[in-house]
Amino acid sequence: MKCKECQTPLQVERRCRQVRLKCPKCQREYHIHELASELDSTMEKELERFSCIIYD
């Protein structure tokens, strides 16, 4: 899954009560629900590690 702004692969960033997708290059953050329909199988597998994702 790549950043919509700079095409750098996104990283999963876990916080205390949140999970975000963050670009390490341009620092743009995405809420999971913003990209839910576009998640690729690799990112879906990565997100499966989290037992609960809080959408905000």
N, C-alpha and C. Protein backbone atom coordinates (compact mmCIF):
# COMPACT_ATOMS: atom_id res chain seq x y z
N MET A 1 0.85 -1.17 0.00
CA MET A 1 0.00 0.00 0.00
C MET A 1 0.89 1.23 0.00
N LYS A 2 0.63 2.16 -0.90
CA LYS A 2 1.49 3.33 -1.04
C LYS A 2 0.75 4.62 -0.69
N CYS A 3 1.53 5.59 -0.27
CA CYS A 3 1.02 6.92 0.05
C CYS A 3 0.42 7.55 -1.20
N LYS A 4 -0.72 8.18 -1.04
CA LYS A 4 -1.37 8.82 -2.18
C LYS A 4 -0.63 10.07 -2.63
N GLU A 5 0.19 10.65 -1.76
CA GLU A 5 0.90 11.88 -2.11
C GLU A 5 2.24 11.62 -2.77
N CYS A 6 3.05 10.71 -2.19
CA CYS A 6 4.41 10.56 -2.69
C CYS A 6 4.75 9.13 -3.14
N GLN A 7 3.80 8.22 -3.05
CA GLN A 7 3.95 6.84 -3.51
C GLN A 7 4.96 6.01 -2.72
N THR A 8 5.32 6.45 -1.52
CA THR A 8 6.20 5.68 -0.64
C THR A 8 5.34 4.63 0.07
N PRO A 9 5.85 3.41 0.27
CA PRO A 9 5.08 2.41 1.01
C PRO A 9 4.72 2.89 2.42
N LEU A 10 3.46 2.68 2.78
CA LEU A 10 2.99 3.09 4.10
C LEU A 10 3.42 2.09 5.16
N GLN A 11 3.54 2.60 6.37
CA GLN A 11 3.86 1.76 7.52
C GLN A 11 2.71 1.82 8.50
N VAL A 12 2.50 0.73 9.22
CA VAL A 12 1.48 0.70 10.26
C VAL A 12 2.09 1.32 11.50
N GLU A 13 1.38 2.29 12.07
CA GLU A 13 1.84 2.93 13.30
C GLU A 13 0.79 2.69 14.37
N ARG A 14 1.19 2.02 15.41
CA ARG A 14 0.27 1.72 16.50
C ARG A 14 0.51 2.69 17.64
N ARG A 15 -0.56 3.25 18.11
CA ARG A 15 -0.53 4.13 19.28
C ARG A 15 -1.33 3.46 20.38
N CYS A 16 -1.44 4.09 21.49
CA CYS A 16 -2.12 3.50 22.64
C CYS A 16 -3.50 2.95 22.28
N ARG A 17 -4.32 3.73 21.63
CA ARG A 17 -5.67 3.28 21.30
C ARG A 17 -5.99 3.43 19.82
N GLN A 18 -4.98 3.59 19.00
CA GLN A 18 -5.23 3.83 17.58
C GLN A 18 -4.21 3.09 16.73
N VAL A 19 -4.62 2.82 15.52
CA VAL A 19 -3.71 2.30 14.50
C VAL A 19 -3.87 3.22 13.30
N ARG A 20 -2.77 3.69 12.77
CA ARG A 20 -2.78 4.56 11.61
C ARG A 20 -1.84 4.00 10.55
N LEU A 21 -2.04 4.41 9.33
CA LEU A 21 -1.09 4.12 8.26
C LEU A 21 -0.34 5.43 8.03
N LYS A 22 0.98 5.37 8.11
CA LYS A 22 1.78 6.59 8.03
C LYS A 22 2.88 6.45 6.99
N CYS A 23 3.09 7.52 6.27
CA CYS A 23 4.15 7.56 5.27
C CYS A 23 5.45 8.02 5.95
N PRO A 24 6.50 7.21 5.87
CA PRO A 24 7.75 7.60 6.50
C PRO A 24 8.47 8.74 5.78
N LYS A 25 8.09 9.00 4.54
CA LYS A 25 8.76 10.07 3.78
C LYS A 25 8.09 11.43 3.98
N CYS A 26 6.82 11.54 3.64
CA CYS A 26 6.15 12.84 3.73
C CYS A 26 5.39 13.03 5.05
N GLN A 27 5.33 11.98 5.87
CA GLN A 27 4.71 12.01 7.20
C GLN A 27 3.18 12.12 7.17
N ARG A 28 2.57 11.94 6.02
CA ARG A 28 1.10 11.96 5.95
C ARG A 28 0.56 10.74 6.68
N GLU A 29 -0.52 10.93 7.42
CA GLU A 29 -1.17 9.84 8.13
C GLU A 29 -2.56 9.61 7.56
N TYR A 30 -2.94 8.35 7.53
CA TYR A 30 -4.26 7.96 7.05
C TYR A 30 -4.97 7.16 8.14
N HIS A 31 -6.24 7.45 8.31
CA HIS A 31 -7.09 6.62 9.15
C HIS A 31 -7.37 5.34 8.36
N ILE A 32 -7.52 4.24 9.04
CA ILE A 32 -7.78 2.96 8.38
C ILE A 32 -9.03 3.06 7.49
N HIS A 33 -10.08 3.69 8.00
CA HIS A 33 -11.32 3.76 7.22
C HIS A 33 -11.17 4.57 5.93
N GLU A 34 -10.19 5.47 5.87
CA GLU A 34 -9.97 6.24 4.65
C GLU A 34 -9.49 5.37 3.49
N LEU A 35 -8.78 4.29 3.81
CA LEU A 35 -8.19 3.44 2.79
C LEU A 35 -8.75 2.01 2.79
N ALA A 36 -9.77 1.76 3.59
CA ALA A 36 -10.28 0.40 3.78
C ALA A 36 -10.61 -0.29 2.46
N SER A 37 -11.19 0.41 1.54
CA SER A 37 -11.58 -0.23 0.27
C SER A 37 -10.40 -0.44 -0.67
N GLU A 38 -9.25 0.14 -0.33
CA GLU A 38 -8.07 0.04 -1.19
C GLU A 38 -6.95 -0.83 -0.62
N LEU A 39 -7.16 -1.41 0.57
CA LEU A 39 -6.11 -2.19 1.21
C LEU A 39 -5.69 -3.37 0.34
N ASP A 40 -4.40 -3.56 0.21
CA ASP A 40 -3.91 -4.73 -0.53
C ASP A 40 -3.74 -5.90 0.45
N SER A 41 -3.50 -7.08 -0.05
CA SER A 41 -3.44 -8.27 0.80
C SER A 41 -2.30 -8.19 1.81
N THR A 42 -1.19 -7.57 1.45
CA THR A 42 -0.07 -7.44 2.38
C THR A 42 -0.45 -6.56 3.56
N MET A 43 -1.12 -5.45 3.30
CA MET A 43 -1.52 -4.54 4.38
C MET A 43 -2.62 -5.18 5.22
N GLU A 44 -3.54 -5.90 4.61
CA GLU A 44 -4.58 -6.58 5.37
C GLU A 44 -3.95 -7.58 6.34
N LYS A 45 -2.95 -8.31 5.87
CA LYS A 45 -2.27 -9.29 6.71
C LYS A 45 -1.57 -8.59 7.88
N GLU A 46 -0.96 -7.46 7.62
CA GLU A 46 -0.29 -6.68 8.67
C GLU A 46 -1.29 -6.21 9.72
N LEU A 47 -2.45 -5.74 9.27
CA LEU A 47 -3.47 -5.25 10.20
C LEU A 47 -4.14 -6.36 10.99
N GLU A 48 -4.09 -7.59 10.50
CA GLU A 48 -4.66 -8.74 11.22
C GLU A 48 -3.96 -8.97 12.55
N ARG A 49 -2.77 -8.47 12.72
CA ARG A 49 -2.02 -8.64 13.96
C ARG A 49 -2.68 -7.93 15.14
N PHE A 50 -3.51 -6.94 14.84
CA PHE A 50 -4.13 -6.15 15.90
C PHE A 50 -5.52 -6.70 16.19
N SER A 51 -5.76 -7.02 17.45
CA SER A 51 -7.03 -7.64 17.82
C SER A 51 -8.19 -6.65 17.74
N CYS A 52 -7.89 -5.38 17.85
CA CYS A 52 -8.95 -4.37 17.81
C CYS A 52 -8.38 -3.09 17.21
N ILE A 53 -9.07 -2.55 16.26
CA ILE A 53 -8.67 -1.27 15.68
C ILE A 53 -9.78 -0.28 15.98
N ILE A 54 -9.41 0.81 16.61
CA ILE A 54 -10.39 1.84 16.97
C ILE A 54 -10.43 2.86 15.84
N TYR A 55 -11.60 3.04 15.29
CA TYR A 55 -11.78 4.00 14.21
C TYR A 55 -12.19 5.34 14.82
N ASP A 56 -11.51 6.37 14.44
CA ASP A 56 -11.91 7.70 14.93
C ASP A 56 -11.76 8.72 13.83
